[in-house]
Amino acid sequence: QVRLVESGGGLVQAGGSLRLSCAASGSIFSINAMGWYRQVPGKQREMVAQITSGGNTNYADSVKGRFTISRDNGKSGVHLQMNSLKPEDTAVYYCNFDQRGLWVWGQGTQVTVSS
């Protein structure tokens, strides 16, 4: 079973940058896609960015042009470079692996953007 551990969250001022990382361990095989999601209290978890096994990327409209998803060559890690951060980006960010249709989640990392 895949285990995911996120890192890199924290407090940053609006306009600043953060880089989130997700390290995977365990039985890493047949990964269809890797992604980042975020959630604020009282709202549904939403997709932020995703990268498929073929390298195609997909972004939420709200982060296009500001966030960039990338993965390690060995596909054992995925990263999210977040630039020009806004207060509305404040959320808990979760790493996700789609392993043959089984979604695996990390524990989440808090990102707080102050105005």
N, C-alpha and C. Protein backbone atom coordinates (compact mmCIF):
# COMPACT_ATOMS: atom_id res chain seq x y z
N GLN A 1 0.84 -1.19 0.00
CA GLN A 1 0.00 0.00 0.00
C GLN A 1 0.88 1.24 0.00
N VAL A 2 0.43 2.25 -0.76
CA VAL A 2 1.18 3.51 -0.85
C VAL A 2 0.91 4.35 0.38
N ARG A 3 1.96 4.98 0.90
CA ARG A 3 1.82 5.94 2.00
C ARG A 3 2.37 7.27 1.51
N LEU A 4 1.60 8.34 1.78
CA LEU A 4 1.96 9.67 1.30
C LEU A 4 2.18 10.59 2.48
N VAL A 5 3.26 11.37 2.41
CA VAL A 5 3.57 12.33 3.46
C VAL A 5 3.86 13.68 2.82
N GLU A 6 3.05 14.69 3.18
CA GLU A 6 3.24 16.04 2.64
C GLU A 6 4.17 16.86 3.53
N SER A 7 4.78 17.85 2.92
CA SER A 7 5.59 18.80 3.67
C SER A 7 5.62 20.12 2.91
N GLY A 8 6.03 21.17 3.60
CA GLY A 8 6.22 22.45 2.93
C GLY A 8 5.17 23.50 3.20
N GLY A 9 4.13 23.15 3.92
CA GLY A 9 3.12 24.15 4.23
C GLY A 9 3.63 25.16 5.23
N GLY A 10 2.83 26.19 5.46
CA GLY A 10 3.23 27.20 6.42
C GLY A 10 2.46 28.49 6.24
N LEU A 11 2.97 29.53 6.85
CA LEU A 11 2.36 30.85 6.80
C LEU A 11 3.18 31.74 5.87
N VAL A 12 2.49 32.43 4.98
CA VAL A 12 3.17 33.30 4.03
C VAL A 12 2.30 34.52 3.78
N GLN A 13 2.93 35.63 3.45
CA GLN A 13 2.17 36.82 3.11
C GLN A 13 1.64 36.74 1.69
N ALA A 14 0.58 37.45 1.43
CA ALA A 14 0.03 37.50 0.08
C ALA A 14 1.10 37.97 -0.89
N GLY A 15 1.14 37.29 -2.05
CA GLY A 15 2.16 37.58 -3.05
C GLY A 15 3.39 36.71 -2.92
N GLY A 16 3.50 35.98 -1.82
CA GLY A 16 4.64 35.11 -1.60
C GLY A 16 4.51 33.76 -2.27
N SER A 17 5.49 32.91 -1.98
CA SER A 17 5.54 31.60 -2.60
C SER A 17 5.77 30.51 -1.56
N LEU A 18 5.28 29.33 -1.87
CA LEU A 18 5.55 28.12 -1.09
C LEU A 18 5.70 26.96 -2.06
N ARG A 19 6.46 25.98 -1.63
CA ARG A 19 6.59 24.75 -2.42
C ARG A 19 6.20 23.57 -1.54
N LEU A 20 5.15 22.88 -1.97
CA LEU A 20 4.70 21.69 -1.26
C LEU A 20 5.34 20.45 -1.90
N SER A 21 5.67 19.50 -1.06
CA SER A 21 6.22 18.24 -1.55
C SER A 21 5.45 17.08 -0.95
N CYS A 22 5.38 16.00 -1.70
CA CYS A 22 4.70 14.79 -1.25
C CYS A 22 5.61 13.61 -1.55
N ALA A 23 6.01 12.91 -0.51
CA ALA A 23 6.88 11.75 -0.67
C ALA A 23 6.05 10.49 -0.53
N ALA A 24 6.22 9.60 -1.49
CA ALA A 24 5.48 8.34 -1.48
C ALA A 24 6.39 7.19 -1.08
N SER A 25 5.85 6.26 -0.37
CA SER A 25 6.58 5.06 -0.01
C SER A 25 5.62 3.88 -0.05
N GLY A 26 6.21 2.67 -0.05
CA GLY A 26 5.38 1.48 -0.10
C GLY A 26 5.30 0.90 -1.50
N SER A 27 4.19 0.30 -1.81
CA SER A 27 3.99 -0.38 -3.10
C SER A 27 3.54 0.62 -4.16
N ILE A 28 4.51 1.30 -4.75
CA ILE A 28 4.21 2.33 -5.74
C ILE A 28 4.21 1.69 -7.12
N PHE A 29 3.02 1.42 -7.64
CA PHE A 29 2.90 0.85 -8.97
C PHE A 29 1.54 1.22 -9.53
N SER A 30 1.45 1.18 -10.85
CA SER A 30 0.17 1.46 -11.53
C SER A 30 -0.48 2.75 -11.04
N ILE A 31 0.32 3.82 -10.97
CA ILE A 31 -0.20 5.11 -10.57
C ILE A 31 -0.76 5.80 -11.80
N ASN A 32 -2.06 6.01 -11.84
CA ASN A 32 -2.69 6.66 -12.99
C ASN A 32 -2.43 8.16 -12.99
N ALA A 33 -2.44 8.75 -11.80
CA ALA A 33 -2.28 10.19 -11.69
C ALA A 33 -1.87 10.55 -10.27
N MET A 34 -1.24 11.71 -10.16
CA MET A 34 -0.88 12.29 -8.86
C MET A 34 -1.47 13.68 -8.83
N GLY A 35 -1.85 14.11 -7.65
CA GLY A 35 -2.45 15.43 -7.62
C GLY A 35 -2.41 16.08 -6.26
N TRP A 36 -2.83 17.33 -6.26
CA TRP A 36 -2.98 18.11 -5.04
C TRP A 36 -4.42 18.61 -4.95
N TYR A 37 -4.99 18.47 -3.79
CA TYR A 37 -6.33 18.96 -3.51
C TYR A 37 -6.25 19.86 -2.28
N ARG A 38 -7.27 20.66 -2.09
CA ARG A 38 -7.29 21.49 -0.90
C ARG A 38 -8.71 21.56 -0.33
N GLN A 39 -8.77 21.87 0.95
CA GLN A 39 -10.07 21.92 1.61
C GLN A 39 -10.03 22.97 2.71
N VAL A 40 -11.12 23.74 2.77
CA VAL A 40 -11.32 24.68 3.87
C VAL A 40 -12.52 24.20 4.67
N PRO A 41 -12.59 24.57 5.94
CA PRO A 41 -13.69 24.09 6.77
C PRO A 41 -15.05 24.45 6.18
N GLY A 42 -15.93 23.47 6.16
CA GLY A 42 -17.28 23.69 5.67
C GLY A 42 -17.44 23.58 4.16
N LYS A 43 -16.36 23.33 3.45
CA LYS A 43 -16.43 23.22 2.00
C LYS A 43 -15.89 21.87 1.54
N GLN A 44 -16.28 21.49 0.33
CA GLN A 44 -15.80 20.24 -0.23
C GLN A 44 -14.33 20.36 -0.63
N ARG A 45 -13.67 19.22 -0.59
CA ARG A 45 -12.29 19.19 -1.07
C ARG A 45 -12.30 19.41 -2.57
N GLU A 46 -11.39 20.25 -3.07
CA GLU A 46 -11.35 20.57 -4.48
C GLU A 46 -9.98 20.26 -5.08
N MET A 47 -10.01 19.89 -6.35
CA MET A 47 -8.78 19.62 -7.07
C MET A 47 -8.05 20.93 -7.34
N VAL A 48 -6.76 20.95 -7.09
CA VAL A 48 -5.92 22.11 -7.36
C VAL A 48 -5.10 21.86 -8.62
N ALA A 49 -4.42 20.73 -8.66
CA ALA A 49 -3.56 20.40 -9.80
C ALA A 49 -3.41 18.90 -9.87
N GLN A 50 -3.23 18.41 -11.09
CA GLN A 50 -3.09 16.98 -11.30
C GLN A 50 -2.13 16.72 -12.42
N ILE A 51 -1.37 15.64 -12.30
CA ILE A 51 -0.47 15.22 -13.37
C ILE A 51 -0.69 13.73 -13.62
N THR A 52 -0.90 13.37 -14.86
CA THR A 52 -1.19 11.98 -15.18
C THR A 52 0.09 11.19 -15.39
N SER A 53 -0.05 9.89 -15.53
CA SER A 53 1.11 9.04 -15.76
C SER A 53 1.82 9.41 -17.06
N GLY A 54 1.07 9.97 -17.99
CA GLY A 54 1.66 10.40 -19.26
C GLY A 54 2.26 11.78 -19.22
N GLY A 55 2.15 12.44 -18.08
CA GLY A 55 2.75 13.77 -17.94
C GLY A 55 1.82 14.92 -18.25
N ASN A 56 0.56 14.64 -18.56
CA ASN A 56 -0.39 15.73 -18.81
C ASN A 56 -0.79 16.37 -17.48
N THR A 57 -0.94 17.68 -17.50
CA THR A 57 -1.28 18.41 -16.29
C THR A 57 -2.65 19.08 -16.43
N ASN A 58 -3.27 19.27 -15.29
CA ASN A 58 -4.57 19.91 -15.25
C ASN A 58 -4.63 20.77 -14.00
N TYR A 59 -5.15 21.99 -14.13
CA TYR A 59 -5.19 22.92 -13.01
C TYR A 59 -6.58 23.49 -12.81
N ALA A 60 -6.89 23.79 -11.56
CA ALA A 60 -8.11 24.54 -11.29
C ALA A 60 -7.95 25.93 -11.89
N ASP A 61 -9.04 26.50 -12.39
CA ASP A 61 -8.96 27.82 -13.01
C ASP A 61 -8.39 28.86 -12.05
N SER A 62 -8.68 28.71 -10.77
CA SER A 62 -8.27 29.70 -9.79
C SER A 62 -6.76 29.74 -9.56
N VAL A 63 -6.04 28.70 -10.01
CA VAL A 63 -4.59 28.68 -9.76
C VAL A 63 -3.77 28.67 -11.04
N LYS A 64 -4.42 28.64 -12.18
CA LYS A 64 -3.70 28.61 -13.45
C LYS A 64 -2.79 29.84 -13.57
N GLY A 65 -1.56 29.59 -14.00
CA GLY A 65 -0.60 30.67 -14.14
C GLY A 65 0.14 30.99 -12.86
N ARG A 66 -0.31 30.45 -11.73
CA ARG A 66 0.35 30.73 -10.45
C ARG A 66 0.98 29.49 -9.83
N PHE A 67 0.34 28.34 -10.04
CA PHE A 67 0.80 27.08 -9.45
C PHE A 67 1.35 26.17 -10.54
N THR A 68 2.35 25.38 -10.17
CA THR A 68 2.92 24.41 -11.10
C THR A 68 3.13 23.09 -10.39
N ILE A 69 2.58 22.03 -10.98
CA ILE A 69 2.76 20.70 -10.43
C ILE A 69 3.90 20.01 -11.17
N SER A 70 4.68 19.22 -10.43
CA SER A 70 5.76 18.45 -11.05
C SER A 70 5.93 17.17 -10.26
N ARG A 71 6.62 16.22 -10.84
CA ARG A 71 6.83 14.95 -10.16
C ARG A 71 8.29 14.54 -10.30
N ASP A 72 8.71 13.67 -9.41
CA ASP A 72 10.05 13.13 -9.48
C ASP A 72 10.13 12.14 -10.65
N ASN A 73 11.33 11.98 -11.20
CA ASN A 73 11.50 11.08 -12.34
C ASN A 73 11.06 9.65 -12.00
N GLY A 74 11.31 9.23 -10.78
CA GLY A 74 10.92 7.89 -10.36
C GLY A 74 9.46 7.79 -9.98
N LYS A 75 8.71 8.91 -10.13
CA LYS A 75 7.29 8.95 -9.83
C LYS A 75 7.00 8.57 -8.38
N SER A 76 7.97 8.80 -7.51
CA SER A 76 7.74 8.53 -6.10
C SER A 76 7.46 9.80 -5.31
N GLY A 77 7.36 10.92 -6.00
CA GLY A 77 7.06 12.16 -5.31
C GLY A 77 6.43 13.14 -6.27
N VAL A 78 5.69 14.06 -5.69
CA VAL A 78 5.04 15.09 -6.48
C VAL A 78 5.14 16.40 -5.71
N HIS A 79 5.26 17.49 -6.47
CA HIS A 79 5.47 18.79 -5.85
C HIS A 79 4.47 19.81 -6.39
N LEU A 80 4.27 20.85 -5.61
CA LEU A 80 3.39 21.93 -6.05
C LEU A 80 4.09 23.25 -5.72
N GLN A 81 4.53 23.94 -6.75
CA GLN A 81 5.11 25.26 -6.60
C GLN A 81 3.99 26.28 -6.66
N MET A 82 3.85 27.05 -5.59
CA MET A 82 2.75 28.00 -5.50
C MET A 82 3.33 29.41 -5.44
N ASN A 83 3.05 30.20 -6.45
CA ASN A 83 3.53 31.58 -6.52
C ASN A 83 2.35 32.55 -6.46
N SER A 84 2.67 33.80 -6.18
CA SER A 84 1.63 34.84 -6.13
C SER A 84 0.45 34.41 -5.29
N LEU A 85 0.74 33.91 -4.13
CA LEU A 85 -0.31 33.37 -3.26
C LEU A 85 -1.28 34.44 -2.81
N LYS A 86 -2.53 34.04 -2.67
CA LYS A 86 -3.61 34.94 -2.27
C LYS A 86 -4.24 34.42 -0.97
N PRO A 87 -4.85 35.29 -0.20
CA PRO A 87 -5.52 34.81 1.02
C PRO A 87 -6.53 33.69 0.76
N GLU A 88 -7.18 33.72 -0.39
CA GLU A 88 -8.15 32.66 -0.70
C GLU A 88 -7.51 31.31 -1.01
N ASP A 89 -6.19 31.27 -1.08
CA ASP A 89 -5.50 29.99 -1.23
C ASP A 89 -5.32 29.28 0.12
N THR A 90 -5.67 29.96 1.19
CA THR A 90 -5.56 29.36 2.52
C THR A 90 -6.43 28.11 2.62
N ALA A 91 -5.82 27.00 3.00
CA ALA A 91 -6.53 25.72 3.08
C ALA A 91 -5.58 24.66 3.60
N VAL A 92 -6.12 23.50 3.85
CA VAL A 92 -5.30 22.31 4.07
C VAL A 92 -5.11 21.65 2.70
N TYR A 93 -3.87 21.42 2.35
CA TYR A 93 -3.55 20.83 1.04
C TYR A 93 -3.21 19.36 1.21
N TYR A 94 -3.82 18.54 0.36
CA TYR A 94 -3.65 17.10 0.44
C TYR A 94 -3.03 16.57 -0.85
N CYS A 95 -2.09 15.69 -0.68
CA CYS A 95 -1.52 14.96 -1.81
C CYS A 95 -2.41 13.75 -2.10
N ASN A 96 -2.52 13.40 -3.36
CA ASN A 96 -3.37 12.28 -3.76
C ASN A 96 -2.71 11.46 -4.86
N PHE A 97 -2.76 10.16 -4.73
CA PHE A 97 -2.33 9.24 -5.79
C PHE A 97 -3.55 8.42 -6.20
N ASP A 98 -3.74 8.32 -7.49
CA ASP A 98 -4.76 7.43 -8.04
C ASP A 98 -4.06 6.14 -8.48
N GLN A 99 -4.21 5.12 -7.64
CA GLN A 99 -3.54 3.85 -7.91
C GLN A 99 -4.57 2.87 -8.44
N ARG A 100 -4.65 2.77 -9.74
CA ARG A 100 -5.61 1.88 -10.40
C ARG A 100 -7.02 2.09 -9.87
N GLY A 101 -7.39 3.36 -9.73
CA GLY A 101 -8.73 3.68 -9.29
C GLY A 101 -8.89 3.79 -7.79
N LEU A 102 -7.90 3.37 -7.05
CA LEU A 102 -7.92 3.51 -5.59
C LEU A 102 -7.22 4.82 -5.22
N TRP A 103 -7.94 5.70 -4.56
CA TRP A 103 -7.39 7.00 -4.21
C TRP A 103 -6.72 6.93 -2.86
N VAL A 104 -5.47 7.32 -2.82
CA VAL A 104 -4.69 7.33 -1.58
C VAL A 104 -4.41 8.78 -1.20
N TRP A 105 -4.58 9.14 0.06
CA TRP A 105 -4.43 10.51 0.52
C TRP A 105 -3.33 10.63 1.56
N GLY A 106 -2.67 11.77 1.55
CA GLY A 106 -1.77 12.10 2.64
C GLY A 106 -2.55 12.69 3.79
N GLN A 107 -1.83 13.09 4.82
CA GLN A 107 -2.48 13.61 6.03
C GLN A 107 -2.82 15.09 5.91
N GLY A 108 -2.27 15.75 4.93
CA GLY A 108 -2.56 17.16 4.71
C GLY A 108 -1.52 18.07 5.34
N THR A 109 -1.36 19.24 4.73
CA THR A 109 -0.46 20.26 5.27
C THR A 109 -1.15 21.61 5.16
N GLN A 110 -1.08 22.40 6.22
CA GLN A 110 -1.79 23.67 6.25
C GLN A 110 -1.00 24.75 5.52
N VAL A 111 -1.71 25.47 4.67
CA VAL A 111 -1.17 26.66 4.01
C VAL A 111 -2.03 27.84 4.42
N THR A 112 -1.39 28.85 4.98
CA THR A 112 -2.10 30.05 5.41
C THR A 112 -1.46 31.27 4.75
N VAL A 113 -2.28 32.03 4.04
CA VAL A 113 -1.80 33.22 3.34
C VAL A 113 -2.43 34.44 4.01
N SER A 114 -1.59 35.29 4.55
CA SER A 114 -2.09 36.48 5.24
C SER A 114 -2.15 37.66 4.28
N SER A 115 -3.13 38.53 4.52
CA SER A 115 -3.31 39.68 3.63
C SER A 115 -2.50 40.87 4.10
